[in-house]
Amino acid sequence: MGLSPESSTAQASAPQTVSDPARAAALFEQSVRIMARLRSPEGCPWDREQTFDSIRKYTLEETYEVFDAIERRDWPHLAEELGDLLLQVLFYAEMAANEGHFTIEDVLGHLNNKLVRRHPHVFGNEASRAAGNQAEVDSAVEGSSAAVLRNWEEIKRAEALHAADAPSAQKALHAADAPSAQKLLESRLDSVQRATPALAEAAKLGAKAQKSGFDWTSWRDLLPKLVEETAELEAEAASDDPARKPAVEAELGDLLFTVVNLGRHLGVDAEMALRGCNRRFRQRFYEMERASRRPLEELSAAELEQLWAEAKQKLAADSSSKQVNIPPERG
């Protein structure tokens, strides 16, 4: 569920803490050394056996555990989960170093250069250019976030064009023919990575298309589109022919794309909205299990619907005075 009034107030009044860069650097160095030892011949057999493919699933798990800690406003747990996520970076970098690809110093160097390069309004045009910026942007943003984002996109686009001319980029595009690669590099949508989660990709594609004037005028214009896409899905789903499944999938995808972009127009992140919905469903279902004197599978549809309605009502009342929690999952 959403934040309770108490948690919002606590967040606003919490005392600010200040990091100690020297101590942070020392601790980071210690973490790098620990990771190197774990992967060494005298280290941990399990860590030595891991590959990029074997640990990538843990990266996704750790990312969502960070999301969960944030949503719960569990700050001590968040600090721990961020450490676990950082471990993934150290693990990848150490494996890359073992195979002669790159080191953690390269990772940090790329990060630092990127931050300076894309923030000329903070570090100055000269420092930004020294860090690799080849775009002509106006660094006098005058406190405008919109101007910052425009500059950011222009700098990113210049980076992509420069990378396309580099020999390494040609190697990366070895599977594509030259005309196709050139066409992609000329598209606004080229900067939206295919590896992005589908909900986020849909929102980013819509936002990029908007810059070319290809978008709905307002969120109200998407409501008829939702009706249209729902009708098309219903028409395809009405068939019992298994051969129509790809068409059903395509229509469901069109409906989801429209819903995601409705959220974009409303200023709502679809991933966060769905995660909130999932959390509410968990809470309500958990409340149903607690309230029922019999196993849920023994109840009729009407009894289940009644329990669901009562759970929604109870949780709505509870949320007005305190944050409602459910037992955390344990992986």
Protein backbone atom coordinates (compact mmCIF):
# COMPACT_ATOMS: atom_id res chain seq x y z
CA MET A 1 0.00 0.00 0.00
CA GLY A 2 1.01 3.64 -0.14
CA LEU A 3 2.94 5.50 2.48
CA SER A 4 1.15 6.24 5.68
CA PRO A 5 0.95 9.88 6.85
CA GLU A 6 3.28 9.01 9.72
CA SER A 7 5.98 7.66 7.41
CA SER A 8 5.80 10.70 5.13
CA THR A 9 6.20 13.04 8.11
CA ALA A 10 9.05 10.98 9.49
CA GLN A 11 10.83 11.11 6.14
CA ALA A 12 10.56 14.91 6.01
CA SER A 13 11.82 15.40 9.57
CA ALA A 14 14.59 12.77 9.58
CA PRO A 15 18.03 14.23 10.37
CA GLN A 16 20.40 14.30 7.42
CA THR A 17 23.46 12.08 7.57
CA VAL A 18 26.72 12.88 5.83
CA SER A 19 28.99 10.29 4.23
CA ASP A 20 32.71 10.20 4.98
CA PRO A 21 34.34 9.89 1.53
CA ALA A 22 37.67 8.71 2.96
CA ARG A 23 36.07 5.95 5.02
CA ALA A 24 33.78 4.99 2.13
CA ALA A 25 36.83 4.69 -0.14
CA ALA A 26 38.62 2.51 2.41
CA LEU A 27 35.61 0.25 2.82
CA PHE A 28 35.17 -0.01 -0.95
CA GLU A 29 38.83 -0.99 -1.32
CA GLN A 30 38.29 -3.64 1.36
CA SER A 31 35.26 -4.97 -0.55
CA VAL A 32 37.31 -5.19 -3.76
CA ARG A 33 40.04 -7.11 -1.93
CA ILE A 34 37.49 -9.48 -0.35
CA MET A 35 35.94 -10.22 -3.73
CA ALA A 36 39.37 -10.87 -5.25
CA ARG A 37 40.21 -13.29 -2.46
CA LEU A 38 36.90 -15.12 -2.82
CA ARG A 39 37.67 -15.71 -6.50
CA SER A 40 41.32 -16.65 -5.91
CA PRO A 41 42.61 -20.26 -5.86
CA GLU A 42 42.69 -20.02 -2.05
CA GLY A 43 39.19 -18.59 -1.90
CA CYS A 44 35.65 -19.99 -2.07
CA PRO A 45 34.95 -22.92 -4.44
CA TRP A 46 31.40 -21.68 -5.12
CA ASP A 47 32.54 -18.16 -5.98
CA ARG A 48 35.27 -19.50 -8.27
CA GLU A 49 32.73 -21.65 -10.15
CA GLN A 50 30.39 -18.77 -10.97
CA THR A 51 30.09 -17.26 -14.45
CA PHE A 52 28.34 -14.21 -15.87
CA ASP A 53 25.42 -16.41 -16.87
CA SER A 54 25.14 -18.20 -13.53
CA ILE A 55 24.91 -15.10 -11.32
CA ARG A 56 22.86 -12.78 -13.53
CA LYS A 57 19.61 -14.10 -12.03
CA TYR A 58 20.81 -12.95 -8.62
CA THR A 59 21.30 -9.43 -9.98
CA LEU A 60 17.61 -9.25 -10.85
CA GLU A 61 16.62 -10.71 -7.47
CA GLU A 62 18.76 -8.20 -5.59
CA THR A 63 17.32 -5.32 -7.62
CA TYR A 64 13.77 -6.24 -6.68
CA GLU A 65 14.76 -6.73 -3.04
CA VAL A 66 16.01 -3.13 -3.13
CA PHE A 67 12.60 -2.09 -4.53
CA ASP A 68 10.84 -3.99 -1.75
CA ALA A 69 12.90 -2.37 1.01
CA ILE A 70 12.17 1.07 -0.44
CA GLU A 71 8.45 0.40 -0.62
CA ARG A 72 8.46 -0.81 2.99
CA ARG A 73 10.51 2.24 4.05
CA ASP A 74 12.81 -0.25 5.81
CA TRP A 75 15.94 1.88 5.78
CA PRO A 76 18.26 -0.50 7.73
CA HIS A 77 17.24 -3.32 5.39
CA LEU A 78 17.71 -1.05 2.37
CA ALA A 79 21.31 -0.40 3.39
CA GLU A 80 21.89 -4.16 3.50
CA GLU A 81 20.16 -4.78 0.17
CA LEU A 82 22.15 -2.02 -1.54
CA GLY A 83 25.26 -3.81 -0.31
CA ASP A 84 24.03 -7.02 -1.91
CA LEU A 85 23.40 -5.15 -5.16
CA LEU A 86 26.90 -3.65 -5.00
CA LEU A 87 28.24 -7.17 -4.55
CA GLN A 88 26.87 -8.01 -7.99
CA VAL A 89 28.91 -5.17 -9.51
CA LEU A 90 32.06 -6.33 -7.72
CA PHE A 91 31.43 -9.94 -8.76
CA TYR A 92 31.01 -9.06 -12.45
CA ALA A 93 34.06 -6.81 -12.41
CA GLU A 94 36.25 -9.44 -10.76
CA MET A 95 35.15 -12.13 -13.23
CA ALA A 96 35.83 -9.70 -16.10
CA ALA A 97 39.30 -9.00 -14.69
CA ASN A 98 39.98 -12.75 -14.36
CA GLU A 99 39.13 -13.14 -18.06
CA GLY A 100 41.11 -10.07 -19.15
CA HIS A 101 38.11 -7.93 -20.20
CA PHE A 102 38.16 -4.99 -17.76
CA THR A 103 38.59 -4.14 -14.06
CA ILE A 104 36.59 -2.37 -11.38
CA GLU A 105 38.77 0.69 -12.07
CA ASP A 106 37.39 0.75 -15.62
CA VAL A 107 33.85 0.55 -14.26
CA LEU A 108 34.43 3.49 -11.91
CA GLY A 109 36.26 5.45 -14.60
CA HIS A 110 33.37 5.07 -17.03
CA LEU A 111 30.90 6.10 -14.33
CA ASN A 112 32.82 9.17 -13.22
CA ASN A 113 33.39 10.35 -16.78
CA LYS A 114 29.74 9.86 -17.65
CA LEU A 115 28.54 11.87 -14.63
CA VAL A 116 30.86 14.77 -15.45
CA ARG A 117 30.19 14.56 -19.21
CA ARG A 118 26.41 14.70 -18.81
CA HIS A 119 26.38 17.48 -16.19
CA PRO A 120 28.05 20.47 -17.86
CA HIS A 121 25.75 22.75 -15.84
CA VAL A 122 27.44 21.44 -12.67
CA PHE A 123 31.06 20.78 -13.64
CA GLY A 124 31.36 23.26 -16.53
CA ASN A 125 31.60 22.86 -20.30
CA GLU A 126 35.38 22.41 -20.26
CA ALA A 127 35.24 19.51 -17.78
CA SER A 128 32.32 18.00 -19.65
CA ARG A 129 34.23 18.10 -22.94
CA ALA A 130 37.33 16.69 -21.24
CA ALA A 131 35.17 13.79 -20.09
CA GLY A 132 34.10 13.10 -23.68
CA ASN A 133 31.09 15.31 -24.37
CA GLN A 134 30.85 16.13 -28.08
CA ALA A 135 27.38 17.69 -28.06
CA GLU A 136 26.76 21.42 -28.29
CA VAL A 137 24.44 22.16 -25.37
CA ASP A 138 23.53 25.22 -23.33
CA SER A 139 24.84 24.61 -19.83
CA ALA A 140 22.95 27.63 -18.45
CA VAL A 141 19.92 25.60 -17.36
CA GLU A 142 18.87 28.20 -14.75
CA GLY A 143 17.42 25.61 -12.39
CA SER A 144 15.26 23.99 -15.10
CA SER A 145 15.00 20.19 -14.87
CA ALA A 146 13.52 20.14 -18.37
CA ALA A 147 16.61 21.88 -19.74
CA VAL A 148 18.83 19.40 -17.91
CA LEU A 149 16.96 16.48 -19.50
CA ARG A 150 17.21 18.03 -22.97
CA ASN A 151 20.95 18.39 -22.57
CA TRP A 152 21.21 14.86 -21.20
CA GLU A 153 19.45 13.43 -24.26
CA GLU A 154 21.59 15.44 -26.68
CA ILE A 155 24.79 14.32 -24.96
CA LYS A 156 23.63 10.69 -24.99
CA ARG A 157 22.79 10.92 -28.68
CA ALA A 158 26.23 12.34 -29.44
CA GLU A 159 27.77 9.48 -27.47
CA ALA A 160 25.81 6.92 -29.51
CA LEU A 161 26.84 8.49 -32.83
CA HIS A 162 30.46 8.65 -31.73
CA ALA A 163 30.35 5.01 -30.60
CA ALA A 164 28.92 4.00 -33.97
CA ASP A 165 32.00 5.42 -35.68
CA ALA A 166 34.40 3.64 -33.34
CA PRO A 167 35.97 0.28 -34.27
CA SER A 168 34.52 -1.34 -31.12
CA ALA A 169 31.04 -0.36 -32.20
CA GLN A 170 31.57 -2.07 -35.53
CA LYS A 171 32.50 -5.25 -33.71
CA ALA A 172 29.37 -4.97 -31.58
CA LEU A 173 27.29 -4.72 -34.74
CA HIS A 174 28.90 -7.72 -36.44
CA ALA A 175 25.55 -9.49 -36.73
CA ALA A 176 23.85 -6.56 -38.46
CA ASP A 177 24.28 -5.35 -42.01
CA ALA A 178 25.55 -1.81 -42.47
CA PRO A 179 22.32 -0.24 -43.84
CA SER A 180 20.26 -1.65 -40.95
CA ALA A 181 22.76 -0.47 -38.37
CA GLN A 182 22.80 3.02 -39.88
CA LYS A 183 19.00 3.15 -39.92
CA LEU A 184 18.84 2.24 -36.23
CA LEU A 185 21.38 4.87 -35.31
CA GLU A 186 19.26 7.52 -36.99
CA SER A 187 16.13 6.65 -35.01
CA ARG A 188 14.97 8.46 -31.90
CA LEU A 189 14.06 5.07 -30.48
CA ASP A 190 17.63 3.79 -30.76
CA SER A 191 18.45 4.98 -27.23
CA VAL A 192 15.67 2.85 -25.72
CA GLN A 193 17.41 -0.42 -24.96
CA ARG A 194 15.68 -3.67 -25.87
CA ALA A 195 17.06 -5.13 -22.65
CA THR A 196 14.82 -2.75 -20.66
CA PRO A 197 11.90 -4.42 -18.81
CA ALA A 198 8.86 -4.38 -21.11
CA LEU A 199 6.74 -1.95 -19.07
CA ALA A 200 9.58 0.56 -18.83
CA GLU A 201 10.44 0.09 -22.51
CA ALA A 202 6.83 0.83 -23.53
CA ALA A 203 6.80 4.07 -21.53
CA LYS A 204 10.18 5.16 -22.91
CA LEU A 205 9.15 4.40 -26.48
CA GLY A 206 6.02 6.50 -26.02
CA ALA A 207 8.02 9.34 -24.49
CA LYS A 208 10.54 9.28 -27.34
CA ALA A 209 7.77 9.24 -29.97
CA GLN A 210 6.16 12.20 -28.20
CA LYS A 211 9.22 14.31 -29.02
CA SER A 212 8.43 13.78 -32.70
CA GLY A 213 4.82 14.83 -32.18
CA PHE A 214 3.53 11.26 -32.42
CA ASP A 215 1.45 10.92 -29.26
CA TRP A 216 -1.99 11.39 -27.80
CA THR A 217 -2.80 14.97 -26.85
CA SER A 218 -3.95 14.13 -23.33
CA TRP A 219 -4.72 11.15 -21.13
CA ARG A 220 -8.42 11.44 -21.98
CA ASP A 221 -7.62 10.60 -25.60
CA LEU A 222 -6.32 7.21 -24.50
CA LEU A 223 -9.62 6.12 -22.97
CA PRO A 224 -11.32 5.44 -26.33
CA LYS A 225 -8.11 3.69 -27.40
CA LEU A 226 -8.42 1.38 -24.40
CA VAL A 227 -11.97 0.51 -25.45
CA GLU A 228 -10.78 -0.14 -29.02
CA GLU A 229 -7.89 -2.37 -27.96
CA THR A 230 -10.10 -4.27 -25.49
CA ALA A 231 -12.63 -4.97 -28.24
CA GLU A 232 -9.89 -6.23 -30.56
CA LEU A 233 -8.56 -8.50 -27.83
CA GLU A 234 -12.05 -9.81 -27.11
CA ALA A 235 -12.59 -10.58 -30.80
CA GLU A 236 -9.37 -12.60 -31.03
CA ALA A 237 -9.85 -14.36 -27.67
CA ALA A 238 -13.36 -15.48 -28.63
CA SER A 239 -11.83 -18.00 -31.01
CA ASP A 240 -10.99 -21.44 -29.63
CA ASP A 241 -8.45 -22.01 -32.39
CA PRO A 242 -4.98 -22.55 -30.84
CA ALA A 243 -3.49 -21.08 -34.01
CA ARG A 244 -4.95 -17.70 -32.97
CA LYS A 245 -2.80 -17.54 -29.82
CA PRO A 246 -0.13 -15.31 -31.44
CA ALA A 247 -2.89 -12.90 -32.47
CA VAL A 248 -4.31 -12.92 -28.92
CA GLU A 249 -0.81 -12.24 -27.57
CA ALA A 250 -0.37 -9.36 -30.00
CA GLU A 251 -3.70 -7.77 -29.04
CA LEU A 252 -2.95 -8.16 -25.34
CA GLY A 253 0.40 -6.48 -25.99
CA ASP A 254 -1.37 -3.57 -27.73
CA LEU A 255 -3.68 -3.20 -24.75
CA LEU A 256 -0.79 -3.24 -22.27
CA PHE A 257 1.14 -0.69 -24.35
CA THR A 258 -1.87 1.62 -24.28
CA VAL A 259 -2.30 1.21 -20.51
CA VAL A 260 1.39 1.96 -19.91
CA ASN A 261 1.18 5.14 -21.96
CA LEU A 262 -1.99 6.17 -20.19
CA GLY A 263 0.08 5.98 -17.03
CA ARG A 264 2.80 8.06 -18.67
CA HIS A 265 0.31 10.80 -19.49
CA LEU A 266 -0.97 10.68 -15.91
CA GLY A 267 2.55 10.86 -14.51
CA VAL A 268 2.28 7.32 -13.12
CA ASP A 269 5.04 4.74 -13.57
CA ALA A 270 3.40 1.51 -14.75
CA GLU A 271 5.92 -0.74 -12.99
CA MET A 272 5.40 1.02 -9.68
CA ALA A 273 1.63 1.03 -10.17
CA LEU A 274 1.62 -2.72 -10.81
CA ARG A 275 3.92 -3.40 -7.87
CA GLY A 276 1.54 -1.41 -5.68
CA CYS A 277 -1.38 -3.43 -7.02
CA ASN A 278 0.50 -6.67 -6.33
CA ARG A 279 1.20 -5.55 -2.79
CA ARG A 280 -2.45 -4.68 -2.18
CA PHE A 281 -3.49 -8.06 -3.58
CA ARG A 282 -1.05 -9.80 -1.22
CA GLN A 283 -2.39 -7.85 1.75
CA ARG A 284 -6.02 -8.50 0.91
CA PHE A 285 -5.46 -12.18 0.21
CA TYR A 286 -3.49 -12.53 3.45
CA GLU A 287 -6.37 -10.86 5.30
CA MET A 288 -8.81 -13.30 3.65
CA GLU A 289 -6.73 -16.24 4.88
CA ARG A 290 -6.61 -14.81 8.39
CA ALA A 291 -10.34 -14.10 8.51
CA SER A 292 -11.60 -17.41 7.12
CA ARG A 293 -12.34 -20.25 9.53
CA ARG A 294 -11.99 -22.77 6.72
CA PRO A 295 -9.42 -23.22 3.95
CA LEU A 296 -10.22 -20.86 1.10
CA GLU A 297 -10.49 -23.71 -1.39
CA GLU A 298 -13.51 -25.03 0.55
CA LEU A 299 -15.46 -21.79 0.15
CA SER A 300 -17.94 -20.92 -2.56
CA ALA A 301 -17.36 -18.13 -5.05
CA ALA A 302 -19.85 -15.95 -3.18
CA GLU A 303 -18.10 -16.56 0.15
CA LEU A 304 -14.72 -15.74 -1.36
CA GLU A 305 -16.10 -12.52 -2.84
CA GLN A 306 -17.54 -11.56 0.55
CA LEU A 307 -14.18 -12.18 2.26
CA TRP A 308 -12.45 -10.10 -0.41
CA ALA A 309 -14.83 -7.19 0.11
CA GLU A 310 -14.39 -7.36 3.89
CA ALA A 311 -10.59 -7.50 3.52
CA LYS A 312 -10.60 -4.40 1.31
CA GLN A 313 -12.80 -2.55 3.79
CA LYS A 314 -10.67 -3.53 6.79
CA LEU A 315 -7.37 -2.64 5.14
CA ALA A 316 -8.76 0.68 3.92
CA ALA A 317 -9.75 1.53 7.48
CA ASP A 318 -6.39 0.41 8.86
CA SER A 319 -4.41 2.40 6.31
CA SER A 320 -6.02 5.63 7.45
CA SER A 321 -4.26 5.34 10.79
CA LYS A 322 -1.20 3.15 10.24
CA GLN A 323 0.86 1.33 7.63
CA VAL A 324 -0.44 -2.16 6.98
CA ASN A 325 2.21 -4.82 6.50
CA ILE A 326 2.29 -8.45 5.46
CA PRO A 327 4.99 -10.95 6.43
CA PRO A 328 8.04 -10.40 4.19
CA GLU A 329 8.94 -13.11 1.70
CA ARG A 330 12.02 -15.15 2.38
CA GLY A 331 13.99 -16.35 -0.56
